[in-house]
Each structure stands twice: as structure tokens, then as C-alpha cells.
Amino acid sequence: MDTRETDLHRLELRFAEARLAEPQAIERLARSIERCGQLIPCIAVVQTDTAPWVLVDGYRRVAALRRLGRDTARVEPWSVDLAEALLIVLARGAARPLAALEEALLLRELVQHLGLSEHEVARRSGRDVSWVSRRLQLVCALPEPLLAAVRAGTVSSWAATRVLLPLARANAEHAERLLRALSAAPLSTRELRCWFEHYEKAARAMRERLVDHPGLLVQALRAQDAERTIVQLRAGPEGEFARDCRHLLALLDRLRSRLRNAGALLLGEIRPESAARLCEALDGLHAELQRSLDHDPGRDPPEHPHPAGSGPQPARGQPAAEALA
């Protein structure tokens, strides 16, 4: 492999807008290069001896080298036309897998700026025409401000396609306001997913606040999680058991009420094996509770112990297991 140490200023970053910045990835790459050197060369197309080399792969490596204050990069020169170079990058994924949006941006370069048809791009990149068409639809659907935010690394490609794009289609103003808020105070992908779930369920007035201050919701949810953790630590396993018992009692009360009101009709919708498993689970829970009570030295013995050989009995105030079958 022919590689050359080339001055960074000789590289023309013509396709920079077709690659995603992702600052954290660049920072990790810079640390790796500082430790181990540039392990993978960049790829550039050499058109003439005097013209700048057009960088087709290695934009993150160039950004990492500049962050480290380096002036040169190790580059593999290709003597092919630009379209052929981009097609090769698409076909093999280069040094790292391309994000779907990056593939879409490179395809747009090939179709709109280099004059290739979708059929020709598909044939020369080893893809089918429907894949090329879907990728192009992806990039064409994104508003330009959102596309710029993805390129800059302010918004992830996942957030752009799964949150901001659907939001823009439903409410373009809210999408623009959310994008401005994220530019000032970015959220992680997980946080934005959580935000969107709350936005979908929120009333109109609440949505107005959510798009302008998305970070406030995330902070509130963190505080709730922290408080819940504190409560659980204080209560210990005993508290969790008591809470589960309260929830189970409430659920059993609802089931009993529904059975009284429309028992046969409801049970007709339940598969017999499911009803049998429910009865078995209730019987097993009852037996386990009784066994624990019988072996608890701190409790008085039950007032009405089960007669020998009678098997598990329904708890006081509870229906027999057969009533659920």
C-alpha cells in the first residue's frame, strides 16, 4: 500500500459536509493517535500533480490530527475519478462503518453533483436501487438546519431521524425550538428518547414548555430516580416486599370485582392454560406465605391452622382459586 506523509493544507475537504463530526469520537481518536500514532491512512484522490488532493475518507482523522496540533497526515493516494472513489468508500465502508445519514449524503454528492443516476450508483456500489432511493429520501426529508446540526455533532443521526424529523413533520415550529434548545444544552440519545416519550403524552401547554426547556424534564426525572433510590435503600427488602404485597392486594381486588361483574364473559377471553397457571401461581404463593408464617418465631401461631391433609386454603376474604379458573 502506497502511503505518503502529506501536509494537511494540501488536502481539499470537499466532502466535509457529507460526514458527521461527532466530537466525542474525534476526541477518542485524538487520544489514540497521540498514544499509538495514526494507524489507518486517510484516502485522497490525486487529480493532478499541482491540484490539492481531494479527501474522500479520513475526515475524523484529519480533525483529530488538527486537535493535536499536527501539520501532516498519512494519506493513501488514489488515481481514480471522484465518483469511483466515493463508490468504493460506499461499497466497503472504509475504515469505519458509515452512518445511514453519511451514506445518504455521499449518495447525494454522486447523484446531484457528479451526475450519476441512481441505477448507476446502485450497480457500481454493489447495492440495489431501492437502497439508494431510501437513503436519498432520508437526506431529502431532513430540513437544512437539522442536517447542519447533525453534521456538527450537536444532534445524533438517531435523534435526527427518530425524534426531530417526526416532530418537524407534525409541528415544524416545535422542532425548530427544540433544535435551538439542544444547540445550547445538548441531551444524550437516551435522554432525548425519554424526552420524546413524555412529549408524545403531554398536553398542549406542557409541550410548549418541553420544547423550550428539554433539560428541565431530564433533571426532574433524575431527581425522581434519585429520590426513589433513597426510598428503596431506606426501606430495604422488607419495604419492597410490603410494597409488592400492597400492589398485589390492589390488583386482586380489581380482578375479584371484575369477576363478580362479568366473570363468565371475561374468562371466555382467557386461554384455559393461562387460567390454570394463574390458579397454580396463587396456590403456590399462598403455600409459601403460610410456610413463612408457620416458621416465624416472632409471630403468634395462626388462629385457624389448616387441618392436616386439607392442602392450601384461600386466605380470608379471598375467593377460592377455582373461582378464577
C-alpha atoms as a PDB file:
ATOM      1  CA  MET A   1       0.000   0.000   0.000  1.00  0.00           C
ATOM      2  CA  ASP A   2       1.461   3.335  -1.135  1.00  0.00           C
ATOM      3  CA  THR A   3       1.080   5.911   1.643  1.00  0.00           C
ATOM      4  CA  ARG A   4       2.643   9.334   1.939  1.00  0.00           C
ATOM      5  CA  GLU A   5       3.078  11.848   4.727  1.00  0.00           C
ATOM      6  CA  THR A   6       1.171  14.832   3.359  1.00  0.00           C
ATOM      7  CA  ASP A   7       0.670  18.364   4.648  1.00  0.00           C
ATOM      8  CA  LEU A   8      -2.868  18.896   5.888  1.00  0.00           C
ATOM      9  CA  HIS A   9      -3.202  22.129   3.923  1.00  0.00           C
ATOM     10  CA  ARG A  10      -2.772  20.132   0.695  1.00  0.00           C
ATOM     11  CA  LEU A  11      -5.974  18.161   1.399  1.00  0.00           C
ATOM     12  CA  GLU A  12      -9.205  19.568  -0.025  1.00  0.00           C
ATOM     13  CA  LEU A  13     -12.065  18.727   2.345  1.00  0.00           C
ATOM     14  CA  ARG A  14     -14.675  18.808  -0.396  1.00  0.00           C
ATOM     15  CA  PHE A  15     -16.974  16.258   1.238  1.00  0.00           C
ATOM     16  CA  ALA A  16     -16.764  17.524   4.824  1.00  0.00           C
ATOM     17  CA  GLU A  17     -20.485  18.270   4.867  1.00  0.00           C
ATOM     18  CA  ALA A  18     -21.220  14.666   3.949  1.00  0.00           C
ATOM     19  CA  ARG A  19     -19.567  13.353   7.119  1.00  0.00           C
ATOM     20  CA  LEU A  20     -20.754  13.606  10.710  1.00  0.00           C
ATOM     21  CA  ALA A  21     -18.428  15.357  13.137  1.00  0.00           C
ATOM     22  CA  GLU A  22     -19.288  13.516  16.404  1.00  0.00           C
ATOM     23  CA  PRO A  23     -16.897  15.426  18.735  1.00  0.00           C
ATOM     24  CA  GLN A  24     -16.629  12.597  21.267  1.00  0.00           C
ATOM     25  CA  ALA A  25     -15.477  10.165  18.584  1.00  0.00           C
ATOM     26  CA  ILE A  26     -12.891  12.705  17.388  1.00  0.00           C
ATOM     27  CA  GLU A  27     -11.645  13.156  20.950  1.00  0.00           C
ATOM     28  CA  ARG A  28     -11.239   9.378  21.378  1.00  0.00           C
ATOM     29  CA  LEU A  29      -9.429   9.163  18.052  1.00  0.00           C
ATOM     30  CA  ALA A  30      -7.101  12.018  19.024  1.00  0.00           C
ATOM     31  CA  ARG A  31      -6.143  10.200  22.232  1.00  0.00           C
ATOM     32  CA  SER A  32      -5.491   7.019  20.243  1.00  0.00           C
ATOM     33  CA  ILE A  33      -3.303   8.844  17.701  1.00  0.00           C
ATOM     34  CA  GLU A  34      -1.380  10.549  20.492  1.00  0.00           C
ATOM     35  CA  ARG A  35      -0.688   7.154  22.085  1.00  0.00           C
ATOM     36  CA  CYS A  36      -0.132   4.947  19.056  1.00  0.00           C
ATOM     37  CA  GLY A  37       0.213   7.230  16.067  1.00  0.00           C
ATOM     38  CA  GLN A  38      -2.041   7.298  13.000  1.00  0.00           C
ATOM     39  CA  LEU A  39      -2.637   3.604  12.369  1.00  0.00           C
ATOM     40  CA  ILE A  40      -5.011   3.902   9.390  1.00  0.00           C
ATOM     41  CA  PRO A  41      -4.173   6.232   6.484  1.00  0.00           C
ATOM     42  CA  CYS A  42      -6.600   8.732   5.049  1.00  0.00           C
ATOM     43  CA  ILE A  43      -7.661   8.281   1.439  1.00  0.00           C
ATOM     44  CA  ALA A  44      -7.463  11.071  -1.137  1.00  0.00           C
ATOM     45  CA  VAL A  45      -7.946  11.329  -4.870  1.00  0.00           C
ATOM     46  CA  VAL A  46      -4.980  12.794  -6.755  1.00  0.00           C
ATOM     47  CA  GLN A  47      -6.315  14.599  -9.814  1.00  0.00           C
ATOM     48  CA  THR A  48      -3.139  16.407 -10.952  1.00  0.00           C
ATOM     49  CA  ASP A  49       0.342  16.890  -9.526  1.00  0.00           C
ATOM     50  CA  THR A  50      -0.364  20.516  -8.624  1.00  0.00           C
ATOM     51  CA  ALA A  51      -4.022  20.420  -7.572  1.00  0.00           C
ATOM     52  CA  PRO A  52      -4.961  19.728  -3.948  1.00  0.00           C
ATOM     53  CA  TRP A  53      -5.720  16.131  -3.072  1.00  0.00           C
ATOM     54  CA  VAL A  54      -9.462  15.601  -2.521  1.00  0.00           C
ATOM     55  CA  LEU A  55     -10.057  13.782   0.744  1.00  0.00           C
ATOM     56  CA  VAL A  56     -12.655  11.022   0.354  1.00  0.00           C
ATOM     57  CA  ASP A  57     -12.115   9.180   3.636  1.00  0.00           C
ATOM     58  CA  GLY A  58     -10.458  10.166   6.916  1.00  0.00           C
ATOM     59  CA  TYR A  59     -12.275  13.337   7.915  1.00  0.00           C
ATOM     60  CA  ARG A  60     -12.293  12.364  11.582  1.00  0.00           C
ATOM     61  CA  ARG A  61      -8.611  11.510  11.446  1.00  0.00           C
ATOM     62  CA  VAL A  62      -7.825  14.931   9.979  1.00  0.00           C
ATOM     63  CA  ALA A  63      -9.933  16.622  12.696  1.00  0.00           C
ATOM     64  CA  ALA A  64      -8.145  14.579  15.384  1.00  0.00           C
ATOM     65  CA  LEU A  65      -4.705  15.443  13.961  1.00  0.00           C
ATOM     66  CA  ARG A  66      -5.590  19.138  13.947  1.00  0.00           C
ATOM     67  CA  ARG A  67      -6.796  18.889  17.521  1.00  0.00           C
ATOM     68  CA  LEU A  68      -3.371  17.517  18.426  1.00  0.00           C
ATOM     69  CA  GLY A  69      -1.665  20.387  16.571  1.00  0.00           C
ATOM     70  CA  ARG A  70      -0.223  18.142  13.863  1.00  0.00           C
ATOM     71  CA  ASP A  71       0.585  19.517  10.391  1.00  0.00           C
ATOM     72  CA  THR A  72       0.677  16.286   8.386  1.00  0.00           C
ATOM     73  CA  ALA A  73      -1.330  13.125   7.874  1.00  0.00           C
ATOM     74  CA  ARG A  74      -0.530   9.724   6.451  1.00  0.00           C
ATOM     75  CA  VAL A  75      -2.511   9.512   3.203  1.00  0.00           C
ATOM     76  CA  GLU A  76      -3.104   6.778   0.639  1.00  0.00           C
ATOM     77  CA  PRO A  77      -3.391   8.483  -2.798  1.00  0.00           C
ATOM     78  CA  TRP A  78      -5.866   7.032  -5.299  1.00  0.00           C
ATOM     79  CA  SER A  79      -5.569   7.654  -9.022  1.00  0.00           C
ATOM     80  CA  VAL A  80      -9.262   7.288  -9.844  1.00  0.00           C
ATOM     81  CA  ASP A  81     -12.033   9.774 -10.553  1.00  0.00           C
ATOM     82  CA  LEU A  82     -14.025  11.179  -7.657  1.00  0.00           C
ATOM     83  CA  ALA A  83     -17.168   9.216  -8.441  1.00  0.00           C
ATOM     84  CA  GLU A  84     -15.243   5.932  -8.450  1.00  0.00           C
ATOM     85  CA  ALA A  85     -13.569   6.816  -5.134  1.00  0.00           C
ATOM     86  CA  LEU A  86     -16.865   7.652  -3.437  1.00  0.00           C
ATOM     87  CA  LEU A  87     -18.443   4.463  -4.747  1.00  0.00           C
ATOM     88  CA  ILE A  88     -15.579   2.413  -3.335  1.00  0.00           C
ATOM     89  CA  VAL A  89     -15.986   4.133   0.039  1.00  0.00           C
ATOM     90  CA  LEU A  90     -19.702   3.323  -0.016  1.00  0.00           C
ATOM     91  CA  ALA A  91     -19.113  -0.269  -1.064  1.00  0.00           C
ATOM     92  CA  ARG A  92     -16.579  -1.181   1.602  1.00  0.00           C
ATOM     93  CA  GLY A  93     -17.410   1.180   4.460  1.00  0.00           C
ATOM     94  CA  ALA A  94     -13.801   2.387   4.543  1.00  0.00           C
ATOM     95  CA  ALA A  95     -12.063   2.365   7.929  1.00  0.00           C
ATOM     96  CA  ARG A  96     -15.317   2.565   9.878  1.00  0.00           C
ATOM     97  CA  PRO A  97     -18.965   1.769   9.107  1.00  0.00           C
ATOM     98  CA  LEU A  98     -20.766   4.762   7.694  1.00  0.00           C
ATOM     99  CA  ALA A  99     -23.875   6.050   9.417  1.00  0.00           C
ATOM    100  CA  ALA A 100     -27.009   5.827   7.289  1.00  0.00           C
ATOM    101  CA  LEU A 101     -27.084   9.610   7.020  1.00  0.00           C
ATOM    102  CA  GLU A 102     -23.456   9.720   5.851  1.00  0.00           C
ATOM    103  CA  GLU A 103     -24.257   7.171   3.157  1.00  0.00           C
ATOM    104  CA  ALA A 104     -27.207   9.330   2.128  1.00  0.00           C
ATOM    105  CA  LEU A 105     -25.036  12.462   1.919  1.00  0.00           C
ATOM    106  CA  LEU A 106     -22.406  10.716  -0.189  1.00  0.00           C
ATOM    107  CA  LEU A 107     -25.118   9.386  -2.488  1.00  0.00           C
ATOM    108  CA  ARG A 108     -26.459  12.903  -2.892  1.00  0.00           C
ATOM    109  CA  GLU A 109     -22.985  14.055  -3.929  1.00  0.00           C
ATOM    110  CA  LEU A 110     -22.846  11.316  -6.560  1.00  0.00           C
ATOM    111  CA  VAL A 111     -26.329  11.966  -7.956  1.00  0.00           C
ATOM    112  CA  GLN A 112     -26.702  15.735  -7.680  1.00  0.00           C
ATOM    113  CA  HIS A 113     -23.138  16.989  -8.094  1.00  0.00           C
ATOM    114  CA  LEU A 114     -21.322  14.266 -10.044  1.00  0.00           C
ATOM    115  CA  GLY A 115     -24.204  13.439 -12.364  1.00  0.00           C
ATOM    116  CA  LEU A 116     -24.633   9.702 -11.805  1.00  0.00           C
ATOM    117  CA  SER A 117     -28.071   8.105 -11.985  1.00  0.00           C
ATOM    118  CA  GLU A 118     -29.475   6.103  -9.086  1.00  0.00           C
ATOM    119  CA  HIS A 119     -29.253   2.923 -11.184  1.00  0.00           C
ATOM    120  CA  GLU A 120     -25.592   3.540 -11.975  1.00  0.00           C
ATOM    121  CA  VAL A 121     -24.770   4.291  -8.336  1.00  0.00           C
ATOM    122  CA  ALA A 122     -26.519   1.083  -7.281  1.00  0.00           C
ATOM    123  CA  ARG A 123     -24.678  -1.018  -9.863  1.00  0.00           C
ATOM    124  CA  ARG A 124     -21.225   0.411  -9.146  1.00  0.00           C
ATOM    125  CA  SER A 125     -21.548   0.323  -5.339  1.00  0.00           C
ATOM    126  CA  GLY A 126     -22.929  -3.231  -5.170  1.00  0.00           C
ATOM    127  CA  ARG A 127     -26.319  -2.086  -3.818  1.00  0.00           C
ATOM    128  CA  ASP A 128     -29.831  -2.269  -5.191  1.00  0.00           C
ATOM    129  CA  VAL A 129     -31.761   0.719  -6.498  1.00  0.00           C
ATOM    130  CA  SER A 130     -34.303   0.640  -3.649  1.00  0.00           C
ATOM    131  CA  TRP A 131     -31.479   1.028  -1.089  1.00  0.00           C
ATOM    132  CA  VAL A 132     -30.125   4.061  -2.957  1.00  0.00           C
ATOM    133  CA  SER A 133     -33.615   5.551  -3.206  1.00  0.00           C
ATOM    134  CA  ARG A 134     -34.358   5.050   0.507  1.00  0.00           C
ATOM    135  CA  ARG A 135     -31.076   6.668   1.521  1.00  0.00           C
ATOM    136  CA  LEU A 136     -31.704   9.667  -0.723  1.00  0.00           C
ATOM    137  CA  GLN A 137     -35.223  10.059   0.686  1.00  0.00           C
ATOM    138  CA  LEU A 138     -33.710  10.111   4.174  1.00  0.00           C
ATOM    139  CA  VAL A 139     -31.425  13.057   3.479  1.00  0.00           C
ATOM    140  CA  CYS A 140     -34.010  14.929   1.392  1.00  0.00           C
ATOM    141  CA  ALA A 141     -36.536  14.762   4.239  1.00  0.00           C
ATOM    142  CA  LEU A 142     -34.265  16.495   6.755  1.00  0.00           C
ATOM    143  CA  PRO A 143     -34.572  20.286   6.988  1.00  0.00           C
ATOM    144  CA  GLU A 144     -31.269  22.041   6.356  1.00  0.00           C
ATOM    145  CA  PRO A 145     -30.868  23.425   9.934  1.00  0.00           C
ATOM    146  CA  LEU A 146     -31.330  19.912  11.301  1.00  0.00           C
ATOM    147  CA  LEU A 147     -28.880  18.498   8.767  1.00  0.00           C
ATOM    148  CA  ALA A 148     -26.323  21.127   9.803  1.00  0.00           C
ATOM    149  CA  ALA A 149     -26.786  20.198  13.477  1.00  0.00           C
ATOM    150  CA  VAL A 150     -26.178  16.519  12.676  1.00  0.00           C
ATOM    151  CA  ARG A 151     -23.048  17.353  10.691  1.00  0.00           C
ATOM    152  CA  ALA A 152     -21.733  19.469  13.567  1.00  0.00           C
ATOM    153  CA  GLY A 153     -22.361  16.693  16.080  1.00  0.00           C
ATOM    154  CA  THR A 154     -24.901  18.718  18.091  1.00  0.00           C
ATOM    155  CA  VAL A 155     -27.594  16.145  17.293  1.00  0.00           C
ATOM    156  CA  SER A 156     -27.018  12.449  16.657  1.00  0.00           C
ATOM    157  CA  SER A 157     -28.270  10.864  13.450  1.00  0.00           C
ATOM    158  CA  TRP A 158     -30.586   8.681  15.583  1.00  0.00           C
ATOM    159  CA  ALA A 159     -32.095  11.750  17.239  1.00  0.00           C
ATOM    160  CA  ALA A 160     -32.477  13.465  13.878  1.00  0.00           C
ATOM    161  CA  THR A 161     -34.338  10.600  12.204  1.00  0.00           C
ATOM    162  CA  ARG A 162     -36.280   9.229  15.211  1.00  0.00           C
ATOM    163  CA  VAL A 163     -37.168  12.401  17.132  1.00  0.00           C
ATOM    164  CA  LEU A 164     -36.609  15.690  15.332  1.00  0.00           C
ATOM    165  CA  LEU A 165     -37.744  14.584  11.871  1.00  0.00           C
ATOM    166  CA  PRO A 166     -41.103  13.143  13.071  1.00  0.00           C
ATOM    167  CA  LEU A 167     -41.524  16.231  15.246  1.00  0.00           C
ATOM    168  CA  ALA A 168     -40.785  18.524  12.287  1.00  0.00           C
ATOM    169  CA  ARG A 169     -43.439  16.761  10.199  1.00  0.00           C
ATOM    170  CA  ALA A 170     -46.021  17.160  12.965  1.00  0.00           C
ATOM    171  CA  ASN A 171     -45.031  20.603  14.265  1.00  0.00           C
ATOM    172  CA  ALA A 172     -42.214  22.409  12.439  1.00  0.00           C
ATOM    173  CA  GLU A 173     -42.143  25.257  14.970  1.00  0.00           C
ATOM    174  CA  HIS A 174     -41.644  22.888  17.898  1.00  0.00           C
ATOM    175  CA  ALA A 175     -38.853  21.103  16.020  1.00  0.00           C
ATOM    176  CA  GLU A 176     -37.048  24.403  15.414  1.00  0.00           C
ATOM    177  CA  ARG A 177     -37.407  25.463  19.054  1.00  0.00           C
ATOM    178  CA  LEU A 178     -36.201  22.094  20.299  1.00  0.00           C
ATOM    179  CA  LEU A 179     -33.211  22.241  17.962  1.00  0.00           C
ATOM    180  CA  ARG A 180     -32.271  25.689  19.311  1.00  0.00           C
ATOM    181  CA  ALA A 181     -32.547  24.398  22.879  1.00  0.00           C
ATOM    182  CA  LEU A 182     -30.394  21.349  22.081  1.00  0.00           C
ATOM    183  CA  SER A 183     -27.759  23.551  20.435  1.00  0.00           C
ATOM    184  CA  ALA A 184     -27.403  25.444  23.713  1.00  0.00           C
ATOM    185  CA  ALA A 185     -27.679  22.409  26.032  1.00  0.00           C
ATOM    186  CA  PRO A 186     -27.379  19.030  24.224  1.00  0.00           C
ATOM    187  CA  LEU A 187     -29.034  15.884  25.544  1.00  0.00           C
ATOM    188  CA  SER A 188     -27.762  12.340  25.161  1.00  0.00           C
ATOM    189  CA  THR A 189     -29.598   9.929  22.869  1.00  0.00           C
ATOM    190  CA  ARG A 190     -31.124   8.151  25.863  1.00  0.00           C
ATOM    191  CA  GLU A 191     -32.254  11.430  27.417  1.00  0.00           C
ATOM    192  CA  LEU A 192     -33.784  12.619  24.149  1.00  0.00           C
ATOM    193  CA  ARG A 193     -35.625   9.325  23.715  1.00  0.00           C
ATOM    194  CA  CYS A 194     -37.074   9.738  27.211  1.00  0.00           C
ATOM    195  CA  TRP A 195     -37.958  13.369  26.449  1.00  0.00           C
ATOM    196  CA  PHE A 196     -39.833  12.376  23.285  1.00  0.00           C
ATOM    197  CA  GLU A 197     -41.839   9.718  25.119  1.00  0.00           C
ATOM    198  CA  HIS A 198     -43.023  12.362  27.593  1.00  0.00           C
ATOM    199  CA  TYR A 199     -43.671  14.888  24.816  1.00  0.00           C
ATOM    200  CA  GLU A 200     -45.933  12.438  22.953  1.00  0.00           C
ATOM    201  CA  LYS A 201     -48.125  12.018  26.058  1.00  0.00           C
ATOM    202  CA  ALA A 202     -48.082  15.650  27.217  1.00  0.00           C
ATOM    203  CA  ALA A 203     -50.918  18.153  26.889  1.00  0.00           C
ATOM    204  CA  ARG A 204     -50.514  21.173  24.630  1.00  0.00           C
ATOM    205  CA  ALA A 205     -49.477  23.612  27.370  1.00  0.00           C
ATOM    206  CA  MET A 206     -46.879  21.195  28.723  1.00  0.00           C
ATOM    207  CA  ARG A 207     -45.462  20.623  25.220  1.00  0.00           C
ATOM    208  CA  GLU A 208     -44.775  24.344  24.909  1.00  0.00           C
ATOM    209  CA  ARG A 209     -42.534  24.181  27.982  1.00  0.00           C
ATOM    210  CA  LEU A 210     -40.928  20.896  26.979  1.00  0.00           C
ATOM    211  CA  VAL A 211     -39.616  22.127  23.612  1.00  0.00           C
ATOM    212  CA  ASP A 212     -38.097  25.296  25.095  1.00  0.00           C
ATOM    213  CA  HIS A 213     -36.548  23.655  28.165  1.00  0.00           C
ATOM    214  CA  PRO A 214     -35.981  19.937  27.440  1.00  0.00           C
ATOM    215  CA  GLY A 215     -33.221  19.744  30.027  1.00  0.00           C
ATOM    216  CA  LEU A 216     -35.626  20.628  32.862  1.00  0.00           C
ATOM    217  CA  LEU A 217     -37.607  17.447  32.254  1.00  0.00           C
ATOM    218  CA  VAL A 218     -34.430  15.368  32.296  1.00  0.00           C
ATOM    219  CA  GLN A 219     -33.325  16.999  35.560  1.00  0.00           C
ATOM    220  CA  ALA A 220     -36.744  16.365  37.131  1.00  0.00           C
ATOM    221  CA  LEU A 221     -36.663  12.705  36.089  1.00  0.00           C
ATOM    222  CA  ARG A 222     -33.155  12.328  37.515  1.00  0.00           C
ATOM    223  CA  ALA A 223     -34.333  13.823  40.804  1.00  0.00           C
ATOM    224  CA  GLN A 224     -37.281  11.410  40.882  1.00  0.00           C
ATOM    225  CA  ASP A 225     -34.980   8.447  40.230  1.00  0.00           C
ATOM    226  CA  ALA A 226     -32.603   9.598  42.966  1.00  0.00           C
ATOM    227  CA  GLU A 227     -35.472  10.008  45.440  1.00  0.00           C
ATOM    228  CA  ARG A 228     -36.855   6.594  44.517  1.00  0.00           C
ATOM    229  CA  THR A 229     -33.433   5.040  45.090  1.00  0.00           C
ATOM    230  CA  ILE A 230     -33.165   6.707  48.505  1.00  0.00           C
ATOM    231  CA  VAL A 231     -36.620   5.438  49.487  1.00  0.00           C
ATOM    232  CA  GLN A 232     -35.743   1.913  48.369  1.00  0.00           C
ATOM    233  CA  LEU A 233     -32.470   1.950  50.319  1.00  0.00           C
ATOM    234  CA  ARG A 234     -34.241   3.155  53.439  1.00  0.00           C
ATOM    235  CA  ALA A 235     -36.995   0.582  53.144  1.00  0.00           C
ATOM    236  CA  GLY A 236     -34.686  -2.332  52.331  1.00  0.00           C
ATOM    237  CA  PRO A 237     -36.020  -5.670  51.073  1.00  0.00           C
ATOM    238  CA  GLU A 238     -38.696  -5.639  53.792  1.00  0.00           C
ATOM    239  CA  GLY A 239     -40.123  -2.395  52.457  1.00  0.00           C
ATOM    240  CA  GLU A 240     -40.047  -3.669  48.876  1.00  0.00           C
ATOM    241  CA  PHE A 241     -41.866  -6.832  49.937  1.00  0.00           C
ATOM    242  CA  ALA A 242     -44.526  -4.808  51.755  1.00  0.00           C
ATOM    243  CA  ARG A 243     -44.977  -2.538  48.746  1.00  0.00           C
ATOM    244  CA  ASP A 244     -45.315  -5.520  46.390  1.00  0.00           C
ATOM    245  CA  CYS A 245     -47.915  -7.020  48.735  1.00  0.00           C
ATOM    246  CA  ARG A 246     -49.939  -3.798  48.656  1.00  0.00           C
ATOM    247  CA  HIS A 247     -49.802  -3.708  44.864  1.00  0.00           C
ATOM    248  CA  LEU A 248     -50.808  -7.363  44.636  1.00  0.00           C
ATOM    249  CA  LEU A 249     -53.737  -6.868  47.011  1.00  0.00           C
ATOM    250  CA  ALA A 250     -54.964  -3.923  44.942  1.00  0.00           C
ATOM    251  CA  LEU A 251     -54.658  -5.972  41.752  1.00  0.00           C
ATOM    252  CA  LEU A 252     -56.501  -8.926  43.291  1.00  0.00           C
ATOM    253  CA  ASP A 253     -59.292  -6.605  44.437  1.00  0.00           C
ATOM    254  CA  ARG A 254     -59.710  -5.349  40.871  1.00  0.00           C
ATOM    255  CA  LEU A 255     -59.749  -8.895  39.492  1.00  0.00           C
ATOM    256  CA  ARG A 256     -62.356 -10.007  42.014  1.00  0.00           C
ATOM    257  CA  SER A 257     -64.553  -7.031  41.230  1.00  0.00           C
ATOM    258  CA  ARG A 258     -64.404  -7.708  37.512  1.00  0.00           C
ATOM    259  CA  LEU A 259     -65.105 -11.401  38.008  1.00  0.00           C
ATOM    260  CA  ARG A 260     -68.183 -10.584  40.090  1.00  0.00           C
ATOM    261  CA  ASN A 261     -69.480  -8.212  37.400  1.00  0.00           C
ATOM    262  CA  ALA A 262     -68.713 -10.232  34.279  1.00  0.00           C
ATOM    263  CA  GLY A 263     -66.905 -13.391  35.271  1.00  0.00           C
ATOM    264  CA  ALA A 264     -68.013 -15.801  32.541  1.00  0.00           C
ATOM    265  CA  LEU A 265     -67.652 -13.188  29.827  1.00  0.00           C
ATOM    266  CA  LEU A 266     -64.128 -12.250  30.924  1.00  0.00           C
ATOM    267  CA  LEU A 267     -62.938 -15.813  31.408  1.00  0.00           C
ATOM    268  CA  GLY A 268     -64.116 -16.661  27.916  1.00  0.00           C
ATOM    269  CA  GLU A 269     -61.338 -14.398  26.600  1.00  0.00           C
ATOM    270  CA  ILE A 270     -58.602 -16.184  28.621  1.00  0.00           C
ATOM    271  CA  ARG A 271     -56.953 -19.351  27.382  1.00  0.00           C
ATOM    272  CA  PRO A 272     -57.569 -22.297  29.737  1.00  0.00           C
ATOM    273  CA  GLU A 273     -53.846 -22.919  30.252  1.00  0.00           C
ATOM    274  CA  SER A 274     -53.360 -19.270  31.271  1.00  0.00           C
ATOM    275  CA  ALA A 275     -56.149 -19.523  33.842  1.00  0.00           C
ATOM    276  CA  ALA A 276     -54.633 -22.769  35.140  1.00  0.00           C
ATOM    277  CA  ARG A 277     -51.209 -21.136  35.516  1.00  0.00           C
ATOM    278  CA  LEU A 278     -52.808 -18.255  37.438  1.00  0.00           C
ATOM    279  CA  CYS A 279     -54.515 -20.674  39.836  1.00  0.00           C
ATOM    280  CA  GLU A 280     -51.253 -22.579  40.286  1.00  0.00           C
ATOM    281  CA  ALA A 281     -49.330 -19.365  40.968  1.00  0.00           C
ATOM    282  CA  LEU A 282     -51.897 -18.215  43.551  1.00  0.00           C
ATOM    283  CA  ASP A 283     -51.819 -21.609  45.256  1.00  0.00           C
ATOM    284  CA  GLY A 284     -48.011 -21.544  45.326  1.00  0.00           C
ATOM    285  CA  LEU A 285     -47.929 -18.014  46.746  1.00  0.00           C
ATOM    286  CA  HIS A 286     -50.436 -18.950  49.416  1.00  0.00           C
ATOM    287  CA  ALA A 287     -48.437 -22.022  50.418  1.00  0.00           C
ATOM    288  CA  GLU A 288     -45.185 -20.036  50.568  1.00  0.00           C
ATOM    289  CA  LEU A 289     -46.781 -17.331  52.718  1.00  0.00           C
ATOM    290  CA  GLN A 290     -48.250 -19.906  55.089  1.00  0.00           C
ATOM    291  CA  ARG A 291     -44.932 -21.738  55.369  1.00  0.00           C
ATOM    292  CA  SER A 292     -43.134 -18.481  56.230  1.00  0.00           C
ATOM    293  CA  LEU A 293     -45.767 -17.572  58.841  1.00  0.00           C
ATOM    294  CA  ASP A 294     -45.587 -21.025  60.437  1.00  0.00           C
ATOM    295  CA  HIS A 295     -41.792 -20.760  60.799  1.00  0.00           C
ATOM    296  CA  ASP A 296     -41.693 -17.164  62.054  1.00  0.00           C
ATOM    297  CA  PRO A 297     -40.774 -17.350  65.759  1.00  0.00           C
ATOM    298  CA  GLY A 298     -41.734 -13.717  66.240  1.00  0.00           C
ATOM    299  CA  ARG A 299     -45.369 -14.289  65.313  1.00  0.00           C
ATOM    300  CA  ASP A 300     -48.182 -15.972  67.189  1.00  0.00           C
ATOM    301  CA  PRO A 301     -49.390 -19.191  65.558  1.00  0.00           C
ATOM    302  CA  PRO A 302     -52.334 -18.783  63.183  1.00  0.00           C
ATOM    303  CA  GLU A 303     -55.729 -18.839  64.907  1.00  0.00           C
ATOM    304  CA  HIS A 304     -57.078 -21.375  62.417  1.00  0.00           C
ATOM    305  CA  PRO A 305     -54.309 -23.680  61.252  1.00  0.00           C
ATOM    306  CA  HIS A 306     -55.039 -25.825  58.234  1.00  0.00           C
ATOM    307  CA  PRO A 307     -56.265 -29.330  59.023  1.00  0.00           C
ATOM    308  CA  ALA A 308     -53.766 -31.988  58.123  1.00  0.00           C
ATOM    309  CA  GLY A 309     -54.068 -33.111  54.553  1.00  0.00           C
ATOM    310  CA  SER A 310     -56.504 -30.388  53.592  1.00  0.00           C
ATOM    311  CA  GLY A 311     -53.991 -28.598  51.337  1.00  0.00           C
ATOM    312  CA  PRO A 312     -53.692 -24.844  50.817  1.00  0.00           C
ATOM    313  CA  GLN A 313     -56.802 -22.852  51.692  1.00  0.00           C
ATOM    314  CA  PRO A 314     -57.848 -19.458  50.376  1.00  0.00           C
ATOM    315  CA  ALA A 315     -56.844 -16.512  52.500  1.00  0.00           C
ATOM    316  CA  ARG A 316     -59.575 -14.794  54.489  1.00  0.00           C
ATOM    317  CA  GLY A 317     -61.648 -12.555  52.286  1.00  0.00           C
ATOM    318  CA  GLN A 318     -60.166 -14.050  49.092  1.00  0.00           C
ATOM    319  CA  PRO A 319     -62.029 -16.222  46.551  1.00  0.00           C
ATOM    320  CA  ALA A 320     -61.097 -19.838  46.136  1.00  0.00           C
ATOM    321  CA  ALA A 321     -58.622 -20.477  43.335  1.00  0.00           C
ATOM    322  CA  GLU A 322     -61.316 -22.369  41.428  1.00  0.00           C
ATOM    323  CA  ALA A 323     -63.266 -19.147  41.078  1.00  0.00           C
ATOM    324  CA  LEU A 324     -60.592 -17.866  38.733  1.00  0.00           C
ATOM    325  CA  ALA A 325     -60.421 -20.966  36.578  1.00  0.00           C
END
